[in-house]
Amino acid sequence: MNSKKVTLVNKTNQKTIANNVIICTSPFQQMRGLMFRKKPIPLLFPFKKEKYCSIHMGFVFFPIDLLFLDEHKRIVEMKQKIRPFRCYTTKRKIKYMIELPANTITSSACKIGSSISFK
């Protein structure tokens, strides 16, 4: 599968969050996410409109970090080191969800309100 990739940058502090982030636009890509993968890779999920989002970690065998962005690409919610076989539902409506290797939020100094760019 030939997927489009972007680099994510925290515009607030100019730190690169992740390179080669796969944009998951198809229903299959969005359903699969990181399931059955051997190691975490960064994924970006753009949604057609803002919505509450539920994520399940079924068949994801490693912890990950999650960023949830609004329509202006600002972080409105985040979850660090969510463990395998757990579920999480956002408390706010979001436009973008980003799945990242664990500890990425800390290493890129992401905070609620940080602006993110997709390059």
PDB file of N, CA and C in Angstrom:
ATOM      1  N   MET A   1       0.843  -1.170   0.000  1.00  0.00           N
ATOM      2  CA  MET A   1       0.000   0.000   0.000  1.00  0.00           C
ATOM      3  C   MET A   1       0.891   1.237   0.000  1.00  0.00           C
ATOM      4  N   ASN A   2       0.617   2.172  -0.878  1.00  0.00           N
ATOM      5  CA  ASN A   2       1.413   3.382  -1.016  1.00  0.00           C
ATOM      6  C   ASN A   2       0.694   4.524  -0.313  1.00  0.00           C
ATOM      7  N   SER A   3       1.052   4.798   0.924  1.00  0.00           N
ATOM      8  CA  SER A   3       0.365   5.800   1.728  1.00  0.00           C
ATOM      9  C   SER A   3       1.142   7.104   1.743  1.00  0.00           C
ATOM     10  N   LYS A   4       0.394   8.196   1.806  1.00  0.00           N
ATOM     11  CA  LYS A   4       1.013   9.509   1.925  1.00  0.00           C
ATOM     12  C   LYS A   4       1.596   9.650   3.327  1.00  0.00           C
ATOM     13  N   LYS A   5       2.763  10.308   3.417  1.00  0.00           N
ATOM     14  CA  LYS A   5       3.433  10.501   4.702  1.00  0.00           C
ATOM     15  C   LYS A   5       3.730  11.979   4.918  1.00  0.00           C
ATOM     16  N   VAL A   6       3.738  12.372   6.189  1.00  0.00           N
ATOM     17  CA  VAL A   6       4.041  13.750   6.562  1.00  0.00           C
ATOM     18  C   VAL A   6       4.982  13.750   7.762  1.00  0.00           C
ATOM     19  N   THR A   7       5.539  14.924   8.039  1.00  0.00           N
ATOM     20  CA  THR A   7       6.300  15.165   9.262  1.00  0.00           C
ATOM     21  C   THR A   7       5.431  16.016  10.174  1.00  0.00           C
ATOM     22  N   LEU A   8       5.378  15.656  11.445  1.00  0.00           N
ATOM     23  CA  LEU A   8       4.620  16.426  12.429  1.00  0.00           C
ATOM     24  C   LEU A   8       5.576  17.295  13.229  1.00  0.00           C
ATOM     25  N   VAL A   9       5.257  18.586  13.312  1.00  0.00           N
ATOM     26  CA  VAL A   9       6.089  19.535  14.054  1.00  0.00           C
ATOM     27  C   VAL A   9       5.223  20.254  15.074  1.00  0.00           C
ATOM     28  N   ASN A  10       5.734  20.362  16.292  1.00  0.00           N
ATOM     29  CA  ASN A  10       5.087  21.159  17.325  1.00  0.00           C
ATOM     30  C   ASN A  10       5.461  22.610  17.038  1.00  0.00           C
ATOM     31  N   LYS A  11       4.535  23.375  16.464  1.00  0.00           N
ATOM     32  CA  LYS A  11       4.823  24.760  16.077  1.00  0.00           C
ATOM     33  C   LYS A  11       5.065  25.645  17.294  1.00  0.00           C
ATOM     34  N   THR A  12       4.546  25.262  18.433  1.00  0.00           N
ATOM     35  CA  THR A  12       4.700  26.062  19.638  1.00  0.00           C
ATOM     36  C   THR A  12       6.154  26.108  20.095  1.00  0.00           C
ATOM     37  N   ASN A  13       6.871  24.972  19.984  1.00  0.00           N
ATOM     38  CA  ASN A  13       8.275  24.947  20.423  1.00  0.00           C
ATOM     39  C   ASN A  13       9.248  24.555  19.306  1.00  0.00           C
ATOM     40  N   GLN A  14       8.744  24.376  18.089  1.00  0.00           N
ATOM     41  CA  GLN A  14       9.546  24.046  16.904  1.00  0.00           C
ATOM     42  C   GLN A  14      10.222  22.675  16.969  1.00  0.00           C
ATOM     43  N   LYS A  15       9.746  21.782  17.823  1.00  0.00           N
ATOM     44  CA  LYS A  15      10.322  20.432  17.895  1.00  0.00           C
ATOM     45  C   LYS A  15       9.594  19.499  16.933  1.00  0.00           C
ATOM     46  N   THR A  16      10.367  18.662  16.261  1.00  0.00           N
ATOM     47  CA  THR A  16       9.770  17.627  15.418  1.00  0.00           C
ATOM     48  C   THR A  16       9.199  16.541  16.326  1.00  0.00           C
ATOM     49  N   ILE A  17       7.950  16.215  16.095  1.00  0.00           N
ATOM     50  CA  ILE A  17       7.287  15.169  16.878  1.00  0.00           C
ATOM     51  C   ILE A  17       7.574  13.807  16.261  1.00  0.00           C
ATOM     52  N   ALA A  18       7.409  13.702  14.934  1.00  0.00           N
ATOM     53  CA  ALA A  18       7.634  12.428  14.247  1.00  0.00           C
ATOM     54  C   ALA A  18       7.802  12.668  12.754  1.00  0.00           C
ATOM     55  N   ASN A  19       8.636  11.849  12.129  1.00  0.00           N
ATOM     56  CA  ASN A  19       8.836  11.850  10.677  1.00  0.00           C
ATOM     57  C   ASN A  19       8.124  10.637  10.081  1.00  0.00           C
ATOM     58  N   ASN A  20       7.878  10.692   8.788  1.00  0.00           N
ATOM     59  CA  ASN A  20       7.275   9.565   8.060  1.00  0.00           C
ATOM     60  C   ASN A  20       5.977   9.081   8.704  1.00  0.00           C
ATOM     61  N   VAL A  21       5.134  10.033   9.069  1.00  0.00           N
ATOM     62  CA  VAL A  21       3.846   9.713   9.682  1.00  0.00           C
ATOM     63  C   VAL A  21       2.870   9.325   8.569  1.00  0.00           C
ATOM     64  N   ILE A  22       2.324   8.132   8.649  1.00  0.00           N
ATOM     65  CA  ILE A  22       1.395   7.647   7.630  1.00  0.00           C
ATOM     66  C   ILE A  22       0.019   8.249   7.877  1.00  0.00           C
ATOM     67  N   ILE A  23      -0.562   8.825   6.826  1.00  0.00           N
ATOM     68  CA  ILE A  23      -1.908   9.384   6.913  1.00  0.00           C
ATOM     69  C   ILE A  23      -2.905   8.272   6.593  1.00  0.00           C
ATOM     70  N   CYS A  24      -3.739   7.946   7.552  1.00  0.00           N
ATOM     71  CA  CYS A  24      -4.725   6.866   7.415  1.00  0.00           C
ATOM     72  C   CYS A  24      -6.067   7.465   7.010  1.00  0.00           C
ATOM     73  N   THR A  25      -6.390   7.374   5.726  1.00  0.00           N
ATOM     74  CA  THR A  25      -7.624   7.978   5.225  1.00  0.00           C
ATOM     75  C   THR A  25      -8.704   6.954   4.896  1.00  0.00           C
ATOM     76  N   SER A  26      -8.317   5.744   4.558  1.00  0.00           N
ATOM     77  CA  SER A  26      -9.329   4.745   4.180  1.00  0.00           C
ATOM     78  C   SER A  26      -9.946   4.120   5.432  1.00  0.00           C
ATOM     79  N   PRO A  27     -11.172   3.643   5.312  1.00  0.00           N
ATOM     80  CA  PRO A  27     -11.797   2.966   6.460  1.00  0.00           C
ATOM     81  C   PRO A  27     -10.958   1.790   6.974  1.00  0.00           C
ATOM     82  N   PHE A  28     -10.336   1.031   6.067  1.00  0.00           N
ATOM     83  CA  PHE A  28      -9.510  -0.098   6.494  1.00  0.00           C
ATOM     84  C   PHE A  28      -8.304   0.389   7.284  1.00  0.00           C
ATOM     85  N   GLN A  29      -7.607   1.420   6.775  1.00  0.00           N
ATOM     86  CA  GLN A  29      -6.444   1.954   7.493  1.00  0.00           C
ATOM     87  C   GLN A  29      -6.845   2.456   8.878  1.00  0.00           C
ATOM     88  N   GLN A  30      -7.973   3.135   8.949  1.00  0.00           N
ATOM     89  CA  GLN A  30      -8.404   3.689  10.229  1.00  0.00           C
ATOM     90  C   GLN A  30      -8.838   2.586  11.192  1.00  0.00           C
ATOM     91  N   MET A  31      -9.437   1.538  10.686  1.00  0.00           N
ATOM     92  CA  MET A  31      -9.850   0.429  11.540  1.00  0.00           C
ATOM     93  C   MET A  31      -8.624  -0.330  12.061  1.00  0.00           C
ATOM     94  N   ARG A  32      -7.650  -0.561  11.183  1.00  0.00           N
ATOM     95  CA  ARG A  32      -6.491  -1.363  11.566  1.00  0.00           C
ATOM     96  C   ARG A  32      -5.564  -0.606  12.500  1.00  0.00           C
ATOM     97  N   GLY A  33      -5.262   0.645  12.176  1.00  0.00           N
ATOM     98  CA  GLY A  33      -4.335   1.398  13.016  1.00  0.00           C
ATOM     99  C   GLY A  33      -3.050   0.626  13.238  1.00  0.00           C
ATOM    100  N   LEU A  34      -2.712   0.391  14.494  1.00  0.00           N
ATOM    101  CA  LEU A  34      -1.480  -0.323  14.838  1.00  0.00           C
ATOM    102  C   LEU A  34      -1.707  -1.794  15.182  1.00  0.00           C
ATOM    103  N   MET A  35      -2.924  -2.287  14.957  1.00  0.00           N
ATOM    104  CA  MET A  35      -3.198  -3.691  15.280  1.00  0.00           C
ATOM    105  C   MET A  35      -2.288  -4.624  14.484  1.00  0.00           C
ATOM    106  N   PHE A  36      -1.793  -5.639  15.169  1.00  0.00           N
ATOM    107  CA  PHE A  36      -0.983  -6.716  14.599  1.00  0.00           C
ATOM    108  C   PHE A  36       0.392  -6.266  14.107  1.00  0.00           C
ATOM    109  N   ARG A  37       0.789  -5.062  14.387  1.00  0.00           N
ATOM    110  CA  ARG A  37       2.130  -4.611  13.988  1.00  0.00           C
ATOM    111  C   ARG A  37       3.139  -5.038  15.051  1.00  0.00           C
ATOM    112  N   LYS A  38       4.391  -5.211  14.616  1.00  0.00           N
ATOM    113  CA  LYS A  38       5.430  -5.661  15.534  1.00  0.00           C
ATOM    114  C   LYS A  38       6.033  -4.524  16.341  1.00  0.00           C
ATOM    115  N   LYS A  39       5.964  -3.314  15.802  1.00  0.00           N
ATOM    116  CA  LYS A  39       6.507  -2.157  16.521  1.00  0.00           C
ATOM    117  C   LYS A  39       5.658  -0.934  16.186  1.00  0.00           C
ATOM    118  N   PRO A  40       5.699   0.065  17.057  1.00  0.00           N
ATOM    119  CA  PRO A  40       4.876   1.255  16.814  1.00  0.00           C
ATOM    120  C   PRO A  40       5.430   2.116  15.685  1.00  0.00           C
ATOM    121  N   ILE A  41       4.537   2.612  14.860  1.00  0.00           N
ATOM    122  CA  ILE A  41       4.886   3.594  13.840  1.00  0.00           C
ATOM    123  C   ILE A  41       3.892   4.748  13.990  1.00  0.00           C
ATOM    124  N   PRO A  42       4.311   5.963  13.671  1.00  0.00           N
ATOM    125  CA  PRO A  42       3.385   7.092  13.834  1.00  0.00           C
ATOM    126  C   PRO A  42       2.304   7.098  12.750  1.00  0.00           C
ATOM    127  N   LEU A  43       1.055   7.288  13.194  1.00  0.00           N
ATOM    128  CA  LEU A  43      -0.095   7.318  12.290  1.00  0.00           C
ATOM    129  C   LEU A  43      -0.929   8.566  12.557  1.00  0.00           C
ATOM    130  N   LEU A  44      -1.443   9.164  11.481  1.00  0.00           N
ATOM    131  CA  LEU A  44      -2.324  10.327  11.565  1.00  0.00           C
ATOM    132  C   LEU A  44      -3.685   9.942  11.000  1.00  0.00           C
ATOM    133  N   PHE A  45      -4.729  10.207  11.768  1.00  0.00           N
ATOM    134  CA  PHE A  45      -6.099   9.908  11.365  1.00  0.00           C
ATOM    135  C   PHE A  45      -6.865  11.221  11.202  1.00  0.00           C
ATOM    136  N   PRO A  46      -7.053  11.690   9.970  1.00  0.00           N
ATOM    137  CA  PRO A  46      -7.880  12.889   9.764  1.00  0.00           C
ATOM    138  C   PRO A  46      -9.345  12.463   9.610  1.00  0.00           C
ATOM    139  N   PHE A  47     -10.227  13.123  10.313  1.00  0.00           N
ATOM    140  CA  PHE A  47     -11.651  12.810  10.214  1.00  0.00           C
ATOM    141  C   PHE A  47     -12.359  13.885   9.406  1.00  0.00           C
ATOM    142  N   LYS A  48     -13.442  13.518   8.746  1.00  0.00           N
ATOM    143  CA  LYS A  48     -14.177  14.457   7.886  1.00  0.00           C
ATOM    144  C   LYS A  48     -14.756  15.620   8.679  1.00  0.00           C
ATOM    145  N   LYS A  49     -15.177  15.348   9.911  1.00  0.00           N
ATOM    146  CA  LYS A  49     -15.701  16.413  10.769  1.00  0.00           C
ATOM    147  C   LYS A  49     -15.322  16.096  12.212  1.00  0.00           C
ATOM    148  N   GLU A  50     -15.406  17.102  13.063  1.00  0.00           N
ATOM    149  CA  GLU A  50     -15.077  16.880  14.466  1.00  0.00           C
ATOM    150  C   GLU A  50     -16.063  15.889  15.079  1.00  0.00           C
ATOM    151  N   LYS A  51     -15.528  14.995  15.917  1.00  0.00           N
ATOM    152  CA  LYS A  51     -16.367  13.979  16.543  1.00  0.00           C
ATOM    153  C   LYS A  51     -15.684  13.467  17.800  1.00  0.00           C
ATOM    154  N   TYR A  52     -16.476  12.831  18.661  1.00  0.00           N
ATOM    155  CA  TYR A  52     -15.888  12.085  19.765  1.00  0.00           C
ATOM    156  C   TYR A  52     -15.265  10.836  19.160  1.00  0.00           C
ATOM    157  N   CYS A  53     -14.150  10.421  19.689  1.00  0.00           N
ATOM    158  CA  CYS A  53     -13.428   9.293  19.099  1.00  0.00           C
ATOM    159  C   CYS A  53     -13.162   8.235  20.169  1.00  0.00           C
ATOM    160  N   SER A  54     -13.444   7.000  19.829  1.00  0.00           N
ATOM    161  CA  SER A  54     -13.121   5.876  20.710  1.00  0.00           C
ATOM    162  C   SER A  54     -12.008   5.072  20.065  1.00  0.00           C
ATOM    163  N   ILE A  55     -11.041   4.708  20.874  1.00  0.00           N
ATOM    164  CA  ILE A  55      -9.931   3.896  20.376  1.00  0.00           C
ATOM    165  C   ILE A  55      -9.839   2.645  21.238  1.00  0.00           C
ATOM    166  N   HIS A  56      -9.577   1.528  20.584  1.00  0.00           N
ATOM    167  CA  HIS A  56      -9.347   0.286  21.324  1.00  0.00           C
ATOM    168  C   HIS A  56      -7.945  -0.183  20.993  1.00  0.00           C
ATOM    169  N   MET A  57      -7.312  -0.783  21.970  1.00  0.00           N
ATOM    170  CA  MET A  57      -5.936  -1.253  21.804  1.00  0.00           C
ATOM    171  C   MET A  57      -5.906  -2.774  21.661  1.00  0.00           C
ATOM    172  N   GLY A  58      -6.994  -3.334  21.151  1.00  0.00           N
ATOM    173  CA  GLY A  58      -7.028  -4.767  20.919  1.00  0.00           C
ATOM    174  C   GLY A  58      -6.001  -5.148  19.860  1.00  0.00           C
ATOM    175  N   PHE A  59      -5.207  -6.136  20.143  1.00  0.00           N
ATOM    176  CA  PHE A  59      -4.179  -6.645  19.230  1.00  0.00           C
ATOM    177  C   PHE A  59      -3.099  -5.614  18.915  1.00  0.00           C
ATOM    178  N   VAL A  60      -2.948  -4.629  19.788  1.00  0.00           N
ATOM    179  CA  VAL A  60      -1.793  -3.723  19.759  1.00  0.00           C
ATOM    180  C   VAL A  60      -0.955  -4.155  20.958  1.00  0.00           C
ATOM    181  N   PHE A  61       0.267  -4.589  20.711  1.00  0.00           N
ATOM    182  CA  PHE A  61       1.044  -5.292  21.724  1.00  0.00           C
ATOM    183  C   PHE A  61       2.093  -4.436  22.416  1.00  0.00           C
ATOM    184  N   PHE A  62       1.957  -3.126  22.343  1.00  0.00           N
ATOM    185  CA  PHE A  62       2.926  -2.212  22.957  1.00  0.00           C
ATOM    186  C   PHE A  62       2.185  -0.944  23.362  1.00  0.00           C
ATOM    187  N   PRO A  63       2.681  -0.223  24.368  1.00  0.00           N
ATOM    188  CA  PRO A  63       2.031   1.040  24.749  1.00  0.00           C
ATOM    189  C   PRO A  63       2.303   2.116  23.705  1.00  0.00           C
ATOM    190  N   ILE A  64       1.370   3.054  23.594  1.00  0.00           N
ATOM    191  CA  ILE A  64       1.537   4.172  22.657  1.00  0.00           C
ATOM    192  C   ILE A  64       1.075   5.469  23.317  1.00  0.00           C
ATOM    193  N   ASP A  65       1.468   6.580  22.705  1.00  0.00           N
ATOM    194  CA  ASP A  65       0.972   7.906  23.065  1.00  0.00           C
ATOM    195  C   ASP A  65      -0.071   8.326  22.039  1.00  0.00           C
ATOM    196  N   LEU A  66      -1.043   9.107  22.476  1.00  0.00           N
ATOM    197  CA  LEU A  66      -2.100   9.600  21.589  1.00  0.00           C
ATOM    198  C   LEU A  66      -2.221  11.109  21.718  1.00  0.00           C
ATOM    199  N   LEU A  67      -2.306  11.784  20.578  1.00  0.00           N
ATOM    200  CA  LEU A  67      -2.609  13.213  20.542  1.00  0.00           C
ATOM    201  C   LEU A  67      -3.947  13.390  19.851  1.00  0.00           C
ATOM    202  N   PHE A  68      -4.766  14.271  20.384  1.00  0.00           N
ATOM    203  CA  PHE A  68      -6.077  14.568  19.811  1.00  0.00           C
ATOM    204  C   PHE A  68      -6.123  16.061  19.508  1.00  0.00           C
ATOM    205  N   LEU A  69      -6.396  16.402  18.242  1.00  0.00           N
ATOM    206  CA  LEU A  69      -6.345  17.788  17.782  1.00  0.00           C
ATOM    207  C   LEU A  69      -7.719  18.269  17.340  1.00  0.00           C
ATOM    208  N   ASP A  70      -7.929  19.582  17.478  1.00  0.00           N
ATOM    209  CA  ASP A  70      -9.168  20.185  16.981  1.00  0.00           C
ATOM    210  C   ASP A  70      -9.002  20.571  15.512  1.00  0.00           C
ATOM    211  N   GLU A  71      -9.991  21.242  14.958  1.00  0.00           N
ATOM    212  CA  GLU A  71      -9.954  21.618  13.538  1.00  0.00           C
ATOM    213  C   GLU A  71      -8.839  22.607  13.216  1.00  0.00           C
ATOM    214  N   HIS A  72      -8.283  23.272  14.237  1.00  0.00           N
ATOM    215  CA  HIS A  72      -7.179  24.222  14.028  1.00  0.00           C
ATOM    216  C   HIS A  72      -5.817  23.569  14.271  1.00  0.00           C
ATOM    217  N   LYS A  73      -5.809  22.257  14.426  1.00  0.00           N
ATOM    218  CA  LYS A  73      -4.598  21.465  14.671  1.00  0.00           C
ATOM    219  C   LYS A  73      -3.925  21.842  15.994  1.00  0.00           C
ATOM    220  N   ARG A  74      -4.741  22.144  16.985  1.00  0.00           N
ATOM    221  CA  ARG A  74      -4.252  22.392  18.343  1.00  0.00           C
ATOM    222  C   ARG A  74      -4.558  21.168  19.197  1.00  0.00           C
ATOM    223  N   ILE A  75      -3.622  20.831  20.071  1.00  0.00           N
ATOM    224  CA  ILE A  75      -3.833  19.693  20.966  1.00  0.00           C
ATOM    225  C   ILE A  75      -4.906  20.061  21.990  1.00  0.00           C
ATOM    226  N   VAL A  76      -5.980  19.271  22.009  1.00  0.00           N
ATOM    227  CA  VAL A  76      -7.056  19.500  22.975  1.00  0.00           C
ATOM    228  C   VAL A  76      -7.116  18.391  24.026  1.00  0.00           C
ATOM    229  N   GLU A  77      -6.423  17.298  23.738  1.00  0.00           N
ATOM    230  CA  GLU A  77      -6.410  16.170  24.670  1.00  0.00           C
ATOM    231  C   GLU A  77      -5.225  15.291  24.301  1.00  0.00           C
ATOM    232  N   MET A  78      -4.664  14.596  25.275  1.00  0.00           N
ATOM    233  CA  MET A  78      -3.587  13.649  24.991  1.00  0.00           C
ATOM    234  C   MET A  78      -3.599  12.544  26.037  1.00  0.00           C
ATOM    235  N   LYS A  79      -3.054  11.425  25.636  1.00  0.00           N
ATOM    236  CA  LYS A  79      -3.004  10.254  26.514  1.00  0.00           C
ATOM    237  C   LYS A  79      -1.629   9.639  26.334  1.00  0.00           C
ATOM    238  N   GLN A  80      -0.919   9.443  27.449  1.00  0.00           N
ATOM    239  CA  GLN A  80       0.432   8.899  27.374  1.00  0.00           C
ATOM    240  C   GLN A  80       0.465   7.438  27.802  1.00  0.00           C
ATOM    241  N   LYS A  81       1.265   6.678  27.095  1.00  0.00           N
ATOM    242  CA  LYS A  81       1.540   5.273  27.414  1.00  0.00           C
ATOM    243  C   LYS A  81       0.270   4.458  27.655  1.00  0.00           C
ATOM    244  N   ILE A  82      -0.694   4.599  26.740  1.00  0.00           N
ATOM    245  CA  ILE A  82      -1.888   3.755  26.855  1.00  0.00           C
ATOM    246  C   ILE A  82      -1.454   2.315  26.579  1.00  0.00           C
ATOM    247  N   ARG A  83      -1.846   1.429  27.455  1.00  0.00           N
ATOM    248  CA  ARG A  83      -1.353   0.055  27.410  1.00  0.00           C
ATOM    249  C   ARG A  83      -2.175  -0.826  26.466  1.00  0.00           C
ATOM    250  N   PRO A  84      -1.580  -1.938  26.040  1.00  0.00           N
ATOM    251  CA  PRO A  84      -2.287  -2.878  25.167  1.00  0.00           C
ATOM    252  C   PRO A  84      -3.612  -3.346  25.769  1.00  0.00           C
ATOM    253  N   PHE A  85      -4.546  -3.615  24.887  1.00  0.00           N
ATOM    254  CA  PHE A  85      -5.855  -4.169  25.224  1.00  0.00           C
ATOM    255  C   PHE A  85      -6.670  -3.258  26.148  1.00  0.00           C
ATOM    256  N   ARG A  86      -6.500  -1.965  25.994  1.00  0.00           N
ATOM    257  CA  ARG A  86      -7.293  -0.975  26.729  1.00  0.00           C
ATOM    258  C   ARG A  86      -8.157  -0.204  25.732  1.00  0.00           C
ATOM    259  N   CYS A  87      -9.143   0.511  26.242  1.00  0.00           N
ATOM    260  CA  CYS A  87      -9.995   1.380  25.426  1.00  0.00           C
ATOM    261  C   CYS A  87      -9.917   2.798  25.969  1.00  0.00           C
ATOM    262  N   TYR A  88     -10.168   3.754  25.096  1.00  0.00           N
ATOM    263  CA  TYR A  88     -10.189   5.152  25.518  1.00  0.00           C
ATOM    264  C   TYR A  88     -11.160   5.911  24.617  1.00  0.00           C
ATOM    265  N   THR A  89     -11.951   6.801  25.209  1.00  0.00           N
ATOM    266  CA  THR A  89     -12.862   7.666  24.463  1.00  0.00           C
ATOM    267  C   THR A  89     -12.526   9.110  24.799  1.00  0.00           C
ATOM    268  N   THR A  90     -12.441   9.942  23.762  1.00  0.00           N
ATOM    269  CA  THR A  90     -12.102  11.347  23.995  1.00  0.00           C
ATOM    270  C   THR A  90     -13.211  12.041  24.780  1.00  0.00           C
ATOM    271  N   LYS A  91     -12.803  13.039  25.514  1.00  0.00           N
ATOM    272  CA  LYS A  91     -13.750  13.831  26.305  1.00  0.00           C
ATOM    273  C   LYS A  91     -14.266  15.033  25.522  1.00  0.00           C
ATOM    274  N   ARG A  92     -13.592  15.326  24.399  1.00  0.00           N
ATOM    275  CA  ARG A  92     -13.969  16.437  23.524  1.00  0.00           C
ATOM    276  C   ARG A  92     -14.071  15.929  22.096  1.00  0.00           C
ATOM    277  N   LYS A  93     -14.747  16.685  21.262  1.00  0.00           N
ATOM    278  CA  LYS A  93     -14.770  16.365  19.835  1.00  0.00           C
ATOM    279  C   LYS A  93     -13.412  16.728  19.248  1.00  0.00           C
ATOM    280  N   ILE A  94     -12.958  15.893  18.320  1.00  0.00           N
ATOM    281  CA  ILE A  94     -11.653  16.108  17.693  1.00  0.00           C
ATOM    282  C   ILE A  94     -11.778  15.989  16.177  1.00  0.00           C
ATOM    283  N   LYS A  95     -10.795  16.538  15.476  1.00  0.00           N
ATOM    284  CA  LYS A  95     -10.732  16.454  14.009  1.00  0.00           C
ATOM    285  C   LYS A  95      -9.600  15.524  13.564  1.00  0.00           C
ATOM    286  N   TYR A  96      -8.549  15.417  14.393  1.00  0.00           N
ATOM    287  CA  TYR A  96      -7.387  14.584  14.064  1.00  0.00           C
ATOM    288  C   TYR A  96      -6.980  13.771  15.289  1.00  0.00           C
ATOM    289  N   MET A  97      -6.576  12.526  15.038  1.00  0.00           N
ATOM    290  CA  MET A  97      -5.988  11.696  16.084  1.00  0.00           C
ATOM    291  C   MET A  97      -4.622  11.247  15.588  1.00  0.00           C
ATOM    292  N   ILE A  98      -3.646  11.245  16.481  1.00  0.00           N
ATOM    293  CA  ILE A  98      -2.291  10.832  16.123  1.00  0.00           C
ATOM    294  C   ILE A  98      -1.847   9.740  17.085  1.00  0.00           C
ATOM    295  N   GLU A  99      -1.439   8.596  16.535  1.00  0.00           N
ATOM    296  CA  GLU A  99      -0.882   7.503  17.327  1.00  0.00           C
ATOM    297  C   GLU A  99       0.633   7.562  17.191  1.00  0.00           C
ATOM    298  N   LEU A 100       1.323   7.526  18.329  1.00  0.00           N
ATOM    299  CA  LEU A 100       2.775   7.694  18.362  1.00  0.00           C
ATOM    300  C   LEU A 100       3.420   6.644  19.263  1.00  0.00           C
ATOM    301  N   PRO A 101       4.702   6.344  19.030  1.00  0.00           N
ATOM    302  CA  PRO A 101       5.399   5.474  19.975  1.00  0.00           C
ATOM    303  C   PRO A 101       5.357   6.082  21.385  1.00  0.00           C
ATOM    304  N   ALA A 102       5.326   5.234  22.402  1.00  0.00           N
ATOM    305  CA  ALA A 102       5.309   5.704  23.788  1.00  0.00           C
ATOM    306  C   ALA A 102       6.489   6.637  24.047  1.00  0.00           C
ATOM    307  N   ASN A 103       6.277   7.625  24.874  1.00  0.00           N
ATOM    308  CA  ASN A 103       7.255   8.640  25.294  1.00  0.00           C
ATOM    309  C   ASN A 103       7.469   9.756  24.285  1.00  0.00           C
ATOM    310  N   THR A 104       6.781   9.726  23.149  1.00  0.00           N
ATOM    311  CA  THR A 104       6.930  10.791  22.157  1.00  0.00           C
ATOM    312  C   THR A 104       6.377  12.111  22.679  1.00  0.00           C
ATOM    313  N   ILE A 105       5.272  12.075  23.409  1.00  0.00           N
ATOM    314  CA  ILE A 105       4.693  13.310  23.942  1.00  0.00           C
ATOM    315  C   ILE A 105       5.705  14.006  24.848  1.00  0.00           C
ATOM    316  N   THR A 106       6.360  13.248  25.705  1.00  0.00           N
ATOM    317  CA  THR A 106       7.357  13.826  26.611  1.00  0.00           C
ATOM    318  C   THR A 106       8.566  14.341  25.844  1.00  0.00           C
ATOM    319  N   SER A 107       9.092  13.550  24.915  1.00  0.00           N
ATOM    320  CA  SER A 107      10.314  13.950  24.204  1.00  0.00           C
ATOM    321  C   SER A 107      10.107  15.150  23.290  1.00  0.00           C
ATOM    322  N   SER A 108       8.884  15.366  22.817  1.00  0.00           N
ATOM    323  CA  SER A 108       8.613  16.513  21.939  1.00  0.00           C
ATOM    324  C   SER A 108       7.966  17.674  22.698  1.00  0.00           C
ATOM    325  N   ALA A 109       7.839  17.522  24.008  1.00  0.00           N
ATOM    326  CA  ALA A 109       7.304  18.570  24.894  1.00  0.00           C
ATOM    327  C   ALA A 109       5.931  19.075  24.443  1.00  0.00           C
ATOM    328  N   CYS A 110       5.083  18.151  24.017  1.00  0.00           N
ATOM    329  CA  CYS A 110       3.718  18.527  23.630  1.00  0.00           C
ATOM    330  C   CYS A 110       2.904  18.851  24.873  1.00  0.00           C
ATOM    331  N   LYS A 111       2.062  19.856  24.743  1.00  0.00           N
ATOM    332  CA  LYS A 111       1.191  20.295  25.837  1.00  0.00           C
ATOM    333  C   LYS A 111      -0.196  20.581  25.268  1.00  0.00           C
ATOM    334  N   ILE A 112      -1.195  20.580  26.127  1.00  0.00           N
ATOM    335  CA  ILE A 112      -2.527  21.007  25.709  1.00  0.00           C
ATOM    336  C   ILE A 112      -2.407  22.441  25.196  1.00  0.00           C
ATOM    337  N   GLY A 113      -2.970  22.700  24.024  1.00  0.00           N
ATOM    338  CA  GLY A 113      -2.900  24.024  23.414  1.00  0.00           C
ATOM    339  C   GLY A 113      -1.784  24.188  22.401  1.00  0.00           C
ATOM    340  N   SER A 114      -0.812  23.259  22.374  1.00  0.00           N
ATOM    341  CA  SER A 114       0.263  23.336  21.372  1.00  0.00           C
ATOM    342  C   SER A 114      -0.328  23.212  19.974  1.00  0.00           C
ATOM    343  N   SER A 115       0.219  23.973  19.036  1.00  0.00           N
ATOM    344  CA  SER A 115      -0.197  23.902  17.627  1.00  0.00           C
ATOM    345  C   SER A 115       0.715  22.938  16.889  1.00  0.00           C
ATOM    346  N   ILE A 116       0.128  22.120  16.037  1.00  0.00           N
ATOM    347  CA  ILE A 116       0.866  21.096  15.297  1.00  0.00           C
ATOM    348  C   ILE A 116       0.759  21.381  13.804  1.00  0.00           C
ATOM    349  N   SER A 117       1.877  21.217  13.087  1.00  0.00           N
ATOM    350  CA  SER A 117       1.825  21.348  11.624  1.00  0.00           C
ATOM    351  C   SER A 117       2.122  19.999  10.995  1.00  0.00           C
ATOM    352  N   PHE A 118       1.514  19.785   9.821  1.00  0.00           N
ATOM    353  CA  PHE A 118       1.739  18.582   9.021  1.00  0.00           C
ATOM    354  C   PHE A 118       2.510  19.041   7.794  1.00  0.00           C
ATOM    355  N   LYS A 119       3.767  18.603   7.641  1.00  0.00           N
ATOM    356  CA  LYS A 119       4.588  19.031   6.500  1.00  0.00           C
ATOM    357  C   LYS A 119       4.916  17.852   5.611  1.00  0.00           C
TER     358      LYS A 119
END
